[in-house]
Every structure is written in structure tokens, then in C-alpha cells.
């Protein structure tokens, strides 16, 4: 009997959830040049409003993992999607820095479970040798959401005003939620897959004998691998958020593009980042079968490519600057595609969401600091040069941290054991 492909339908749902997640994060950055003029915000205030999301999102990562491990991912996505969609729509009624700031804080709370829940779902549904492809696919939604946001929000802001853009993007979450409630059931309760797929998943997904036993939650902080994930992901996400929160303003203010042209050409880094996230996950699956350092190579190599952000700071041509930023985003998302597979492999049994939450906490310290520090540097220097160079330095540091602090993967060993048993 040929296995059904319900598991890949689940990962496709996660891809669209991640795309909407980042669409609702990026909508502010696209509308920000217009909003800043309306409210007379300085670059520091622009950076502060962009960083607000990262405060609650990052702080919620530590407690949210154990909660997801306890209540499951189906229910988690329901309340999460409702809160973040309403918060995005509520931004449309904001009439001051303070009110919009509060709505962005609430958005961070609502979106906090997204990646830990997605990582746990993928670990529950996808056999370990295919996990890089799966996580690469749903993390591709990071850049897909941003790629959609730039032209969509730029058009909405230009034609209907910035208020309308938040209402339209917020409504998309409720459309996704209807599909989720109709089609998704936790793996033991799902009747859409046949026995062949069920056996395929159950023999490859858990690796119960090989996984480390569950440990007290606080002990996870004593592992070098946990800190390697957190610190390396900090560097990744810092660079991502410089682009997500400041790229439209950079193209409008420094490169003198119109908002509509920014909505068109500014999608290039995110389109190529969408491709590279999937590519990073897929290649990490291939490499880890050949060498135990395969996933580390993928994560470190991607961040080395991210150093391309440095020449972007110095070229005079707008086209060249956009080219180097696109190359840098390609590399960062290549690393990102492998990172979530790595966290699910490192996690002890039954604690996938907990470790994923810790990784995401480290990353979203970067998500908070990136827009704020960039705003401070831009206001102090009247240039984006220092902000882009700092991003390149962090790319190099992250590459080293990943390779030095993360353990070798056991995927190669486990695949070899299964082949030997089958023969």
C-alpha cells in the first residue's frame, strides 16, 4: 500500500501560517514611512515602534514552549491566530505612538507560539531524515510573508491609506484558521492518513530509544547546545529584522525609491530568501546523511554568505546594494532552514517545543534590538552604513558559534542503523 501524504499537507498548512505570521509583522515596516510622516516620528521612534513586537514575542518564548508541549499544537494555533490577527487589525484604529505600541505588544503575544508550535508539529509528523525539508518548507514562509507584504501593503497604503492595510492583512489569519479547524487533527486522531503512512511516520518520527530522556526544564539551560542555538539564532534573526523592519525605509530614504517601487524591487531579497530556506533544509538533510556535521555546515555556511550585507553598505549603485542585500538574505535564510530541524533533533523526548522556544527567545532578543539599534545608528550617523556593517559582523559571529557550540547530529547514525536492520 502506498502511503498517503497527509504529513506534507500538515507542513503546507504550517507554511501558510508562517507566511501570514510574517505578513502581519512586516506590514508595519512597509507602512512606516507614511505613518512616520503622519505622526512626525523620528528614526529612533520608528525603531522603537518596530521593536515593540519583539519585547512580548521574545519574553513569551520561554514559558510558551512547555505550554505547547502540554496542551498540543491544534489548540495553540487557534488562540494564537485569533489574538495576533485581531491585534494586527486593531492597529488600524491607532491614533498615537502609545496606542500603536500597545497593539504591537499584543501582536507579539499572539505570534509567540508560532515557531515552537510549528517545530513540534513537524517533529510529530515528519521522520527525522526528512525533517530538514519539512522545516525548510515552513520557514520559507518567513520570507514569503515579507515578499507578499511589500507589494500588497505598498499598494494598499498608496491607494487606500495605511489603516486599510492592517485590516486586510489581519483578515487573512481568520481565513487560515477556518482551514486549520476543518482539516487538522493531531496525529493519533487523524483519520485522513492510511496505515502505510501511519507506519512510516511512527517508525521514523520519534526515535524514542535514541533520544535523551525528558529532563527538568531548567536543566536545558545548562547545555552548551541550548546556548549555541540561542546565540546563533540571535545573530540570524538580528540580520533578518534589519531587513524586515528597515528595508522599505532604507530604499525610500537612502536610495530615493518611491513606495510603490520599493514594494516591487524590495521583494527580491525575500523571494530569494523563500527559496533558500527550503534549499537549506533540503541540503541539510542530504549533508547530514554524509557527515554528522552536515546541519552545522548548512547553518554556518549560510551565515558566511550573509556577510554580503557589508559591501551593500558601501556601493553607490542602488541595484548593486539590492543585489548584495538579496545575497545576504539568501544566506541567512539558508541557515534558518536548517536551524529548526537542528533544534528538534537536539531536544530531549517530549520537549521539542520547549527547546524551540528557547532558540526563538535568543533570536527575538535580536528581533527587539535590530530595529531599535538601527534607528539609533541611523539618527546618529544619518546613514545606514554602520547598521549594515554591524549586521555583517554578527553574521560572522553566528557562523562561528553554530559550528563550535552545537553537537554533531545522530541522523546519519540512525539512518545507517535502520538500513542495517532492514537488510
Protein backbone atom coordinates (compact mmCIF):
# COMPACT_ATOMS: atom_id res chain seq x y z
CA UNK A 1 0.00 0.00 0.00
CA UNK A 2 1.36 3.41 -1.00
CA UNK A 3 1.50 5.87 1.91
CA UNK A 4 -0.75 8.89 1.76
CA UNK A 5 0.78 12.35 2.05
CA UNK A 6 -1.21 13.84 4.91
CA UNK A 7 2.03 14.77 6.68
CA UNK A 8 3.01 17.09 3.81
CA UNK A 9 -0.45 18.64 3.85
CA UNK A 10 0.20 19.47 7.50
CA UNK A 11 3.54 21.08 6.64
CA UNK A 12 1.82 23.08 3.88
CA UNK A 13 -0.62 24.45 6.47
CA UNK A 14 2.37 25.45 8.60
CA UNK A 15 3.93 27.20 5.59
CA UNK A 16 0.85 29.36 5.09
CA UNK A 17 0.58 30.06 8.83
CA UNK A 18 4.21 31.24 8.85
CA UNK A 19 3.61 33.36 5.75
CA UNK A 20 0.66 35.11 7.41
CA UNK A 21 2.67 35.43 10.61
CA UNK A 22 5.40 37.39 8.84
CA UNK A 23 2.95 39.30 6.68
CA UNK A 24 1.43 40.67 9.90
CA UNK A 25 4.89 41.54 11.22
CA UNK A 26 6.12 43.19 8.04
CA UNK A 27 3.02 45.27 7.30
CA UNK A 28 4.21 47.92 9.78
CA UNK A 29 7.62 48.33 8.16
CA UNK A 30 6.07 48.91 4.71
CA UNK A 31 3.55 51.42 6.04
CA UNK A 32 6.10 53.03 8.36
CA UNK A 33 7.47 55.74 6.03
CA UNK A 34 3.92 57.10 5.59
CA UNK A 35 2.96 56.63 9.24
CA UNK A 36 6.14 58.37 10.40
CA UNK A 37 5.22 61.44 8.35
CA UNK A 38 1.66 61.43 9.70
CA UNK A 39 2.78 61.17 13.32
CA UNK A 40 6.09 63.09 12.96
CA UNK A 41 8.21 60.18 14.25
CA UNK A 42 12.00 60.38 14.37
CA UNK A 43 14.15 57.38 13.32
CA UNK A 44 14.50 56.41 16.99
CA UNK A 45 10.73 56.41 17.43
CA UNK A 46 10.39 54.42 14.20
CA UNK A 47 12.87 51.89 15.55
CA UNK A 48 11.10 51.77 18.90
CA UNK A 49 7.67 51.08 17.39
CA UNK A 50 9.19 48.33 15.24
CA UNK A 51 10.93 46.83 18.28
CA UNK A 52 7.78 46.74 20.43
CA UNK A 53 6.67 43.43 18.91
CA UNK A 54 9.97 41.81 19.88
CA UNK A 55 9.55 42.58 23.61
CA UNK A 56 6.46 40.46 24.24
CA UNK A 57 7.29 37.96 21.50
CA UNK A 58 10.72 37.27 22.94
CA UNK A 59 9.68 37.17 26.61
CA UNK A 60 6.85 34.78 25.83
CA UNK A 61 9.17 32.23 24.19
CA UNK A 62 10.45 30.74 27.44
CA UNK A 63 7.08 29.87 29.06
CA UNK A 64 5.28 29.18 25.76
CA UNK A 65 7.27 26.04 24.90
CA UNK A 66 6.24 23.99 27.96
CA UNK A 67 2.64 25.19 27.48
CA UNK A 68 2.58 23.93 23.89
CA UNK A 69 4.15 20.63 24.98
CA UNK A 70 1.28 20.31 27.45
CA UNK A 71 -1.83 21.41 25.50
CA UNK A 72 -0.77 20.45 21.98
CA UNK A 73 -0.46 22.39 18.76
CA UNK A 74 -4.03 22.29 17.40
CA UNK A 75 -5.47 24.34 20.27
CA UNK A 76 -2.36 26.53 20.45
CA UNK A 77 -2.74 27.70 16.87
CA UNK A 78 -6.41 28.56 17.44
CA UNK A 79 -5.91 31.08 20.25
CA UNK A 80 -2.63 32.31 18.81
CA UNK A 81 -4.09 33.13 15.38
CA UNK A 82 -7.14 34.87 16.87
CA UNK A 83 -5.05 37.14 19.11
CA UNK A 84 -2.45 38.12 16.52
CA UNK A 85 -5.00 38.72 13.74
CA UNK A 86 -7.13 40.95 15.96
CA UNK A 87 -4.03 42.84 17.12
CA UNK A 88 -2.96 43.45 13.53
CA UNK A 89 -6.42 44.74 12.59
CA UNK A 90 -6.61 46.91 15.71
CA UNK A 91 -3.51 48.81 14.57
CA UNK A 92 -5.79 50.49 12.03
CA UNK A 93 -7.56 52.38 14.84
CA UNK A 94 -4.31 53.50 16.48
CA UNK A 95 -4.10 57.29 16.65
CA UNK A 96 -0.85 57.78 18.58
CA UNK A 97 2.55 56.27 19.24
CA UNK A 98 1.28 54.83 22.53
CA UNK A 99 -1.82 53.09 21.17
CA UNK A 100 0.01 51.56 18.20
CA UNK A 101 2.81 50.49 20.54
CA UNK A 102 0.31 48.60 22.71
CA UNK A 103 -1.20 46.83 19.69
CA UNK A 104 2.28 45.73 18.58
CA UNK A 105 2.93 44.35 22.08
CA UNK A 106 -0.29 42.31 21.85
CA UNK A 107 0.73 41.12 18.38
CA UNK A 108 3.93 39.74 19.91
CA UNK A 109 1.96 37.75 22.48
CA UNK A 110 -0.30 36.29 19.81
CA UNK A 111 2.51 35.32 17.44
CA UNK A 112 4.79 33.92 20.15
CA UNK A 113 3.69 30.25 19.81
CA UNK A 114 4.04 30.12 16.03
CA UNK A 115 7.55 28.67 15.58
CA UNK A 116 7.69 26.44 18.69
CA UNK A 117 4.28 25.02 17.68
CA UNK A 118 5.38 24.54 14.07
CA UNK A 119 8.60 22.82 15.17
CA UNK A 120 6.72 20.48 17.48
CA UNK A 121 4.16 19.72 14.77
CA UNK A 122 6.89 18.89 12.25
CA UNK A 123 8.67 16.69 14.82
CA UNK A 124 5.38 14.85 15.46
CA UNK A 125 4.63 14.27 11.78
CA UNK A 126 7.92 14.05 9.86
CA UNK A 127 10.54 11.26 10.12
CA UNK A 128 13.90 12.57 11.22
CA UNK A 129 15.72 12.06 7.86
CA UNK A 130 13.11 14.31 6.15
CA UNK A 131 12.87 16.91 8.88
CA UNK A 132 15.17 19.45 7.26
CA UNK A 133 12.97 19.55 4.14
CA UNK A 134 9.89 19.99 6.31
CA UNK A 135 11.28 22.76 8.48
CA UNK A 136 12.86 24.42 5.46
CA UNK A 137 9.44 24.44 3.80
CA UNK A 138 7.54 26.04 6.64
CA UNK A 139 10.34 28.51 7.44
CA UNK A 140 10.24 29.59 3.80
CA UNK A 141 7.02 31.27 4.88
CA UNK A 142 9.16 33.80 6.75
CA UNK A 143 10.28 35.42 3.54
CA UNK A 144 7.14 34.57 1.59
CA UNK A 145 5.11 36.64 4.07
CA UNK A 146 7.53 39.53 3.74
CA UNK A 147 7.61 39.20 -0.06
CA UNK A 148 3.80 39.39 -0.20
CA UNK A 149 3.68 42.23 2.32
CA UNK A 150 5.86 44.64 0.35
CA UNK A 151 3.79 44.93 -2.86
CA UNK A 152 0.43 44.28 -1.18
CA UNK A 153 0.83 46.76 1.66
CA UNK A 154 2.58 49.33 -0.55
CA UNK A 155 -0.40 49.21 -2.94
CA UNK A 156 -2.97 49.35 -0.13
CA UNK A 157 -1.19 52.25 1.56
CA UNK A 158 -0.86 54.17 -1.71
CA UNK A 159 -4.46 53.62 -2.82
CA UNK A 160 -6.46 53.30 0.41
CA UNK A 161 -4.16 54.55 3.18
CA UNK A 162 -2.18 52.75 5.87
CA UNK A 163 -5.24 52.00 8.04
CA UNK A 164 -6.72 49.70 5.38
CA UNK A 165 -3.51 47.70 5.06
CA UNK A 166 -3.71 46.43 8.64
CA UNK A 167 -7.35 45.41 8.29
CA UNK A 168 -6.77 43.42 5.09
CA UNK A 169 -3.66 41.59 6.34
CA UNK A 170 -5.33 40.79 9.67
CA UNK A 171 -8.32 39.16 7.95
CA UNK A 172 -6.08 36.59 6.24
CA UNK A 173 -5.38 34.91 9.59
CA UNK A 174 -9.06 34.13 10.11
CA UNK A 175 -9.29 32.55 6.66
CA UNK A 176 -6.36 30.27 7.53
CA UNK A 177 -7.93 29.40 10.88
CA UNK A 178 -11.08 28.06 9.19
CA UNK A 179 -8.96 25.67 7.10
CA UNK A 180 -6.95 24.62 10.17
CA UNK A 181 -10.05 23.77 12.20
CA UNK A 182 -11.61 21.79 9.36
CA UNK A 183 -8.59 19.78 8.24
CA UNK A 184 -6.08 19.47 11.08
CA UNK A 185 -6.17 16.81 13.77
CA UNK A 186 -3.30 15.69 15.99
CA UNK A 187 -1.51 12.67 14.57
CA UNK A 188 -3.07 9.94 16.77
CA UNK A 189 -6.56 11.28 15.98
CA UNK A 190 -6.10 11.90 12.26
CA UNK A 191 -8.16 9.58 10.05
CA UNK A 192 -7.08 11.00 6.71
CA UNK A 193 -3.81 9.05 6.51
CA UNK A 194 -3.71 5.36 5.65
CA UNK A 195 -1.95 2.61 7.58
CA UNK A 196 1.15 2.79 5.37
CA UNK A 197 1.73 6.46 6.14
CA UNK A 198 0.97 5.92 9.81
CA UNK A 199 3.61 3.17 9.99
CA UNK A 200 6.12 5.29 8.06
CA UNK A 201 5.69 8.16 10.49
CA UNK A 202 5.65 6.09 13.66
CA UNK A 203 8.82 4.19 12.78
CA UNK A 204 10.78 7.31 11.90
CA UNK A 205 9.45 10.26 13.81
CA UNK A 206 10.24 9.69 17.45
CA UNK A 207 13.45 7.66 17.66
CA UNK A 208 12.36 7.02 21.25
CA UNK A 209 15.22 4.70 22.14
CA UNK A 210 17.85 7.03 20.78
CA UNK A 211 16.52 10.30 22.18
CA UNK A 212 17.61 11.67 25.51
CA UNK A 213 15.04 11.21 28.26
CA UNK A 214 12.97 14.18 29.33
CA UNK A 215 14.86 16.43 31.76
CA UNK A 216 13.76 19.16 34.19
CA UNK A 217 13.01 22.25 32.13
CA UNK A 218 15.59 24.43 33.89
CA UNK A 219 18.35 21.92 33.13
CA UNK A 220 18.02 22.69 29.43
CA UNK A 221 19.81 25.97 30.13
CA UNK A 222 22.88 24.08 31.37
CA UNK A 223 23.57 22.57 27.94
CA UNK A 224 26.09 24.19 25.61
CA UNK A 225 23.91 23.13 22.68
CA UNK A 226 20.96 25.16 24.01
CA UNK A 227 23.13 28.26 24.21
CA UNK A 228 24.56 27.54 20.77
CA UNK A 229 21.05 27.52 19.35
CA UNK A 230 20.05 30.68 21.21
CA UNK A 231 23.15 32.74 20.42
CA UNK A 232 23.44 31.61 16.81
CA UNK A 233 19.77 32.31 16.23
CA UNK A 234 20.19 35.75 17.83
CA UNK A 235 22.67 36.60 15.06
CA UNK A 236 20.40 35.17 12.36
CA UNK A 237 17.28 36.99 13.46
CA UNK A 238 19.06 40.29 14.10
CA UNK A 239 20.04 40.43 10.42
CA UNK A 240 16.59 39.29 9.29
CA UNK A 241 14.95 42.06 11.29
CA UNK A 242 17.20 44.77 10.00
CA UNK A 243 15.80 43.86 6.58
CA UNK A 244 12.22 43.20 7.69
CA UNK A 245 11.81 46.40 9.68
CA UNK A 246 14.10 48.84 7.86
CA UNK A 247 14.46 47.76 4.22
CA UNK A 248 11.47 49.79 2.94
CA UNK A 249 12.62 52.92 4.78
CA UNK A 250 16.20 52.34 3.58
CA UNK A 251 15.08 52.13 -0.05
CA UNK A 252 12.79 55.16 0.26
CA UNK A 253 15.08 57.42 2.31
CA UNK A 254 18.60 56.39 1.30
CA UNK A 255 18.03 55.09 -2.21
CA UNK A 256 15.21 57.52 -3.05
CA UNK A 257 12.74 54.96 -4.36
CA UNK A 258 9.00 55.61 -4.33
CA UNK A 259 6.92 53.44 -2.01
CA UNK A 260 5.42 51.56 -4.95
CA UNK A 261 8.88 50.87 -6.45
CA UNK A 262 10.01 49.72 -3.03
CA UNK A 263 7.04 47.34 -2.95
CA UNK A 264 8.22 45.84 -6.25
CA UNK A 265 12.02 45.76 -6.02
CA UNK A 266 12.13 45.28 -2.26
CA UNK A 267 10.56 41.86 -2.66
CA UNK A 268 13.71 40.43 -4.29
CA UNK A 269 15.61 39.60 -1.06
CA UNK A 270 12.52 37.91 0.35
CA UNK A 271 11.71 35.94 -2.79
CA UNK A 272 15.23 34.52 -2.91
CA UNK A 273 15.12 34.00 0.86
CA UNK A 274 11.96 31.91 0.43
CA UNK A 275 13.80 29.64 -1.99
CA UNK A 276 16.94 29.41 0.15
CA UNK A 277 15.06 28.48 3.34
CA UNK A 278 13.69 25.40 1.62
CA UNK A 279 17.07 24.74 -0.02
CA UNK A 280 18.88 24.98 3.32
CA UNK A 281 16.56 22.46 4.92
CA UNK A 282 16.74 20.07 1.96
CA UNK A 283 20.52 20.20 1.62
CA UNK A 284 20.99 19.81 5.37
CA UNK A 285 19.03 16.54 5.11
CA UNK A 286 21.42 15.38 2.37
CA UNK A 287 24.59 16.57 4.07
CA UNK A 288 23.72 15.12 7.47
CA UNK A 289 23.48 11.65 5.91
CA UNK A 290 27.07 12.00 4.72
CA UNK A 291 28.62 13.74 7.74
CA UNK A 292 27.50 14.21 11.32
CA UNK A 293 28.33 17.91 10.94
CA UNK A 294 26.01 18.31 7.95
CA UNK A 295 23.43 20.53 9.63
CA UNK A 296 26.13 22.67 11.26
CA UNK A 297 27.78 23.15 7.88
CA UNK A 298 24.48 24.36 6.42
CA UNK A 299 23.82 26.79 9.27
CA UNK A 300 27.36 28.20 9.36
CA UNK A 301 27.80 28.40 5.59
CA UNK A 302 24.54 30.32 5.24
CA UNK A 303 25.68 32.96 7.71
CA UNK A 304 29.05 33.29 5.96
CA UNK A 305 27.13 34.15 2.78
CA UNK A 306 25.25 36.69 4.93
CA UNK A 307 28.48 38.73 5.07
CA UNK A 308 27.38 40.13 1.70
CA UNK A 309 25.46 42.75 3.66
CA UNK A 310 28.75 44.59 4.28
CA UNK A 311 29.52 45.57 0.65
CA UNK A 312 25.86 46.64 0.34
CA UNK A 313 26.69 49.44 2.77
CA UNK A 314 29.37 50.97 0.54
CA UNK A 315 28.29 50.63 -3.10
CA UNK A 316 26.82 53.73 -4.74
CA UNK A 317 24.55 51.85 -7.13
CA UNK A 318 21.05 51.10 -5.84
CA UNK A 319 20.95 47.97 -8.00
CA UNK A 320 24.21 46.66 -6.53
CA UNK A 321 23.10 47.44 -3.00
CA UNK A 322 19.89 45.49 -3.54
CA UNK A 323 21.89 42.65 -5.10
CA UNK A 324 24.18 42.31 -2.06
CA UNK A 325 21.23 42.54 0.35
CA UNK A 326 19.50 39.79 -1.64
CA UNK A 327 22.61 37.59 -1.44
CA UNK A 328 22.85 38.22 2.31
CA UNK A 329 19.19 37.36 2.88
CA UNK A 330 19.62 34.24 0.75
CA UNK A 331 22.43 33.10 3.04
CA UNK A 332 20.66 33.94 6.31
CA UNK A 333 17.52 32.08 5.28
CA UNK A 334 19.59 29.11 4.06
CA UNK A 335 20.91 28.90 7.62
CA UNK A 336 17.41 29.39 9.01
CA UNK A 337 16.04 26.47 7.02
CA UNK A 338 18.44 24.10 8.77
CA UNK A 339 18.19 25.67 12.23
CA UNK A 340 14.71 24.45 13.13
CA UNK A 341 15.50 20.86 12.14
CA UNK A 342 18.55 21.04 14.39
CA UNK A 343 16.57 22.24 17.41
CA UNK A 344 14.08 19.38 17.07
CA UNK A 345 16.94 16.84 16.96
CA UNK A 346 18.76 18.27 19.95
CA UNK A 347 15.64 18.41 22.14
CA UNK A 348 15.03 15.65 24.69
CA UNK A 349 11.97 13.44 24.21
CA UNK A 350 8.70 15.35 24.62
CA UNK A 351 10.42 18.76 24.86
CA UNK A 352 10.60 19.86 21.22
CA UNK A 353 8.54 22.98 21.77
CA UNK A 354 10.49 23.88 24.91
CA UNK A 355 13.86 23.85 23.13
CA UNK A 356 12.37 25.56 20.08
CA UNK A 357 11.02 28.28 22.38
CA UNK A 358 14.45 28.79 23.91
CA UNK A 359 16.03 29.09 20.46
CA UNK A 360 13.33 31.54 19.44
CA UNK A 361 13.84 33.57 22.62
CA UNK A 362 17.50 34.08 21.71
CA UNK A 363 16.53 35.01 18.19
CA UNK A 364 13.95 37.51 19.27
CA UNK A 365 16.30 39.36 21.54
CA UNK A 366 17.81 40.11 18.15
CA UNK A 367 14.35 40.94 16.76
CA UNK A 368 13.93 43.54 19.50
CA UNK A 369 17.41 45.04 19.25
CA UNK A 370 17.74 45.15 15.45
CA UNK A 371 15.11 47.83 14.68
CA UNK A 372 15.97 49.83 17.80
CA UNK A 373 19.76 49.83 17.33
CA UNK A 374 19.34 50.51 13.62
CA UNK A 375 17.14 53.53 14.37
CA UNK A 376 19.69 54.87 16.86
CA UNK A 377 22.57 54.41 14.39
CA UNK A 378 20.65 55.99 11.52
CA UNK A 379 19.66 59.02 13.60
CA UNK A 380 23.21 59.43 14.96
CA UNK A 381 25.04 58.98 11.65
CA UNK A 382 22.36 59.97 9.11
CA UNK A 383 23.33 56.82 7.25
CA UNK A 384 22.63 53.08 7.15
CA UNK A 385 26.33 52.17 6.75
CA UNK A 386 27.03 51.38 10.42
CA UNK A 387 23.81 49.37 10.76
CA UNK A 388 24.60 47.20 7.74
CA UNK A 389 28.23 46.62 8.77
CA UNK A 390 27.10 45.55 12.26
CA UNK A 391 24.77 43.01 10.63
CA UNK A 392 27.71 41.58 8.69
CA UNK A 393 29.82 41.27 11.83
CA UNK A 394 27.01 39.35 13.54
CA UNK A 395 26.75 37.03 10.53
CA UNK A 396 30.38 36.01 11.03
CA UNK A 397 29.99 35.60 14.80
CA UNK A 398 26.86 33.46 14.33
CA UNK A 399 28.62 31.17 11.86
CA UNK A 400 31.41 30.51 14.38
CA UNK A 401 29.01 30.00 17.28
CA UNK A 402 26.98 27.42 15.41
CA UNK A 403 29.98 25.35 14.41
CA UNK A 404 31.70 25.49 17.79
CA UNK A 405 28.78 25.12 20.18
CA UNK A 406 26.40 22.66 18.50
CA UNK A 407 26.85 18.89 18.76
CA UNK A 408 27.09 16.50 15.87
CA UNK A 409 23.81 15.14 14.55
CA UNK A 410 22.83 11.50 15.05
CA UNK A 411 20.68 11.36 11.92
CA UNK A 412 23.42 9.71 9.84
CA UNK A 413 23.93 7.05 12.51
CA UNK A 414 20.19 6.37 12.86
CA UNK A 415 19.64 6.06 9.12
CA UNK A 416 22.57 3.63 8.88
CA UNK A 417 21.14 1.57 11.75
CA UNK A 418 17.76 1.31 10.05
CA UNK A 419 19.28 0.28 6.72
CA UNK A 420 21.36 -2.37 8.50
CA UNK A 421 18.29 -3.67 10.35
CA UNK A 422 16.21 -3.78 7.16
CA UNK A 423 18.87 -5.81 5.34
